[in-house]
Amino acid sequence: MKKLFITALAAVTIAASSFATPGADVSKVSLKVLNKFKAEFATVDQVDWEVKKDYIKAKFTEDGLEQEAFFTQDGELIGTSKRIERADMPSVPRKALNKVVAGGELLELIEFNSTEKGIAYYASIQKDGVKQILEISASGFVSNYKK
């Protein structure tokens, strides 16, 4: 039994170190999450981990693009996010965003690909001195984002 425990500990240490970025606290990330990450993002070797109460976030760069992946504590992928440019959006949500932003400034645009709901866009805008975050569906429905 002791031999099995040491072997398992070594496997966890090796897996964790292969994903670790200096300063990242990989020790709080479960083996389930690490294995799921490696299965989904096999080419990524540098990851910053952040453990929250309701999810675990992995920040990484793949193919030159900074991304984030969100997992449940049980290792299930919740979704991925990345910053994008307005021109990268499909036509329908981009037109909806353009109507809302008219006369204001687009500060940041995030594409979130949820495993349950598909793709949605989150736009941080400033208009008339007021900052807000909008959620834009793939079908062009716009709503205020509430955390």
Protein backbone atom coordinates (compact mmCIF):
# COMPACT_ATOMS: atom_id res chain seq x y z
CA MET A 1 0.00 0.00 0.00
CA LYS A 2 2.82 2.39 0.91
CA LYS A 3 4.50 1.67 -2.44
CA LEU A 4 1.24 2.45 -4.26
CA PHE A 5 0.89 5.75 -2.35
CA ILE A 6 4.45 6.81 -3.21
CA THR A 7 3.92 5.90 -6.88
CA ALA A 8 0.68 7.91 -6.95
CA LEU A 9 2.37 10.87 -5.24
CA ALA A 10 5.21 10.76 -7.78
CA ALA A 11 2.70 10.70 -10.64
CA VAL A 12 0.89 13.74 -9.23
CA THR A 13 4.17 15.60 -8.73
CA ILE A 14 5.33 14.88 -12.27
CA ALA A 15 1.96 15.83 -13.76
CA ALA A 16 1.80 19.01 -11.70
CA SER A 17 5.33 20.10 -12.53
CA SER A 18 4.75 19.62 -16.23
CA PHE A 19 1.92 22.18 -16.10
CA ALA A 20 3.43 24.54 -13.56
CA THR A 21 4.50 28.08 -14.13
CA PRO A 22 6.75 29.61 -11.50
CA GLY A 23 4.53 31.06 -8.78
CA ALA A 24 1.48 28.97 -9.69
CA ASP A 25 -0.02 26.93 -6.85
CA VAL A 26 -0.54 23.62 -8.63
CA SER A 27 -0.71 21.73 -5.33
CA LYS A 28 -4.34 22.84 -4.94
CA VAL A 29 -5.33 21.52 -8.38
CA SER A 30 -6.73 17.99 -8.38
CA LEU A 31 -5.32 15.23 -10.54
CA LYS A 32 -8.73 15.01 -12.26
CA VAL A 33 -8.43 18.62 -13.39
CA LEU A 34 -4.80 18.22 -14.46
CA ASN A 35 -5.62 15.11 -16.49
CA LYS A 36 -8.65 16.75 -18.13
CA PHE A 37 -6.57 19.81 -18.99
CA LYS A 38 -3.86 17.66 -20.57
CA ALA A 39 -6.49 15.73 -22.56
CA GLU A 40 -8.10 18.94 -23.86
CA PHE A 41 -4.92 20.99 -24.39
CA ALA A 42 -2.18 18.43 -25.09
CA THR A 43 0.24 20.91 -26.69
CA VAL A 44 0.25 23.36 -23.77
CA ASP A 45 3.06 23.09 -21.25
CA GLN A 46 2.99 26.38 -19.32
CA VAL A 47 -0.10 27.05 -17.21
CA ASP A 48 -1.01 29.46 -14.40
CA TRP A 49 -3.61 27.91 -12.10
CA GLU A 50 -6.08 29.76 -9.90
CA VAL A 51 -8.33 27.84 -7.52
CA LYS A 52 -11.61 29.49 -6.56
CA LYS A 53 -14.51 28.21 -4.47
CA ASP A 54 -16.72 27.35 -7.45
CA TYR A 55 -14.17 26.68 -10.20
CA ILE A 56 -10.54 26.22 -11.16
CA LYS A 57 -9.05 28.49 -13.83
CA ALA A 58 -6.11 27.67 -16.08
CA LYS A 59 -4.44 30.57 -17.94
CA PHE A 60 -2.25 29.53 -20.85
CA THR A 61 -1.07 30.35 -24.34
CA GLU A 62 -1.87 28.03 -27.23
CA ASP A 63 -0.81 28.77 -30.79
CA GLY A 64 0.21 32.27 -29.70
CA LEU A 65 -3.25 33.05 -28.29
CA GLU A 66 -3.79 33.71 -24.57
CA GLN A 67 -6.73 31.71 -23.26
CA GLU A 68 -8.38 30.58 -20.06
CA ALA A 69 -10.09 27.28 -19.33
CA PHE A 70 -12.51 26.83 -16.43
CA PHE A 71 -13.09 23.51 -14.67
CA THR A 72 -15.33 22.21 -11.89
CA GLN A 73 -13.63 20.83 -8.79
CA ASP A 74 -14.41 17.37 -10.24
CA GLY A 75 -12.43 18.06 -13.40
CA GLU A 76 -15.26 18.78 -15.82
CA LEU A 77 -14.57 21.49 -18.37
CA ILE A 78 -16.98 24.42 -17.91
CA GLY A 79 -15.71 26.42 -20.86
CA THR A 80 -12.91 28.45 -22.38
CA SER A 81 -12.43 32.16 -22.93
CA LYS A 82 -10.21 34.41 -24.97
CA ARG A 83 -9.97 38.07 -25.87
CA ILE A 84 -11.02 38.85 -29.41
CA GLU A 85 -11.40 41.83 -31.70
CA ARG A 86 -14.80 43.05 -32.84
CA ALA A 87 -13.98 41.99 -36.41
CA ASP A 88 -13.54 38.39 -35.17
CA MET A 89 -17.20 38.16 -34.13
CA PRO A 90 -19.79 36.60 -36.42
CA SER A 91 -22.02 39.09 -38.21
CA VAL A 92 -25.19 38.82 -36.09
CA PRO A 93 -23.66 39.41 -32.62
CA ARG A 94 -21.25 42.00 -34.07
CA LYS A 95 -24.14 44.05 -35.47
CA ALA A 96 -25.94 43.86 -32.12
CA LEU A 97 -22.78 45.02 -30.34
CA ASN A 98 -22.28 47.88 -32.79
CA LYS A 99 -25.80 49.20 -32.07
CA VAL A 100 -25.23 49.18 -28.32
CA VAL A 101 -21.72 50.65 -28.44
CA ALA A 102 -22.64 53.47 -30.85
CA GLY A 103 -21.45 56.71 -29.27
CA GLY A 104 -19.42 54.83 -26.68
CA GLU A 105 -16.15 52.95 -26.42
CA LEU A 106 -15.52 49.21 -26.51
CA LEU A 107 -12.93 48.55 -23.79
CA GLU A 108 -12.63 44.77 -23.99
CA LEU A 109 -14.30 41.87 -25.79
CA ILE A 110 -14.24 38.26 -24.58
CA GLU A 111 -15.51 35.15 -26.35
CA PHE A 112 -16.67 32.48 -23.89
CA ASN A 113 -17.32 28.99 -25.20
CA SER A 114 -19.43 27.14 -22.63
CA THR A 115 -19.68 23.36 -22.81
CA GLU A 116 -23.39 23.72 -21.88
CA LYS A 117 -24.56 26.86 -23.69
CA GLY A 118 -22.13 27.35 -26.55
CA ILE A 119 -20.53 30.67 -27.49
CA ALA A 120 -21.40 34.02 -25.93
CA TYR A 121 -19.57 37.33 -26.01
CA TYR A 122 -18.87 39.68 -23.10
CA ALA A 123 -18.19 43.30 -23.95
CA SER A 124 -16.90 45.86 -21.49
CA ILE A 125 -18.07 49.24 -22.74
CA GLN A 126 -18.01 52.83 -21.58
CA LYS A 127 -20.78 55.14 -22.69
CA ASP A 128 -21.67 58.53 -21.26
CA GLY A 129 -19.07 58.02 -18.53
CA VAL A 130 -20.66 54.75 -17.36
CA LYS A 131 -18.87 51.40 -17.61
CA GLN A 132 -20.87 48.23 -18.02
CA ILE A 133 -20.46 44.64 -19.12
CA LEU A 134 -22.82 43.28 -21.73
CA GLU A 135 -23.52 39.68 -22.64
CA ILE A 136 -24.21 39.09 -26.33
CA SER A 137 -25.55 35.74 -27.50
CA ALA A 138 -24.63 34.15 -30.81
CA SER A 139 -28.15 35.08 -31.98
CA GLY A 140 -27.55 38.77 -31.18
CA PHE A 141 -29.53 39.10 -27.94
CA VAL A 142 -27.87 41.70 -25.68
CA SER A 143 -28.28 41.88 -21.90
CA ASN A 144 -26.47 43.42 -18.95
CA TYR A 145 -24.12 40.87 -17.44
CA LYS A 146 -24.76 40.15 -13.79
CA LYS A 147 -22.12 38.26 -11.84
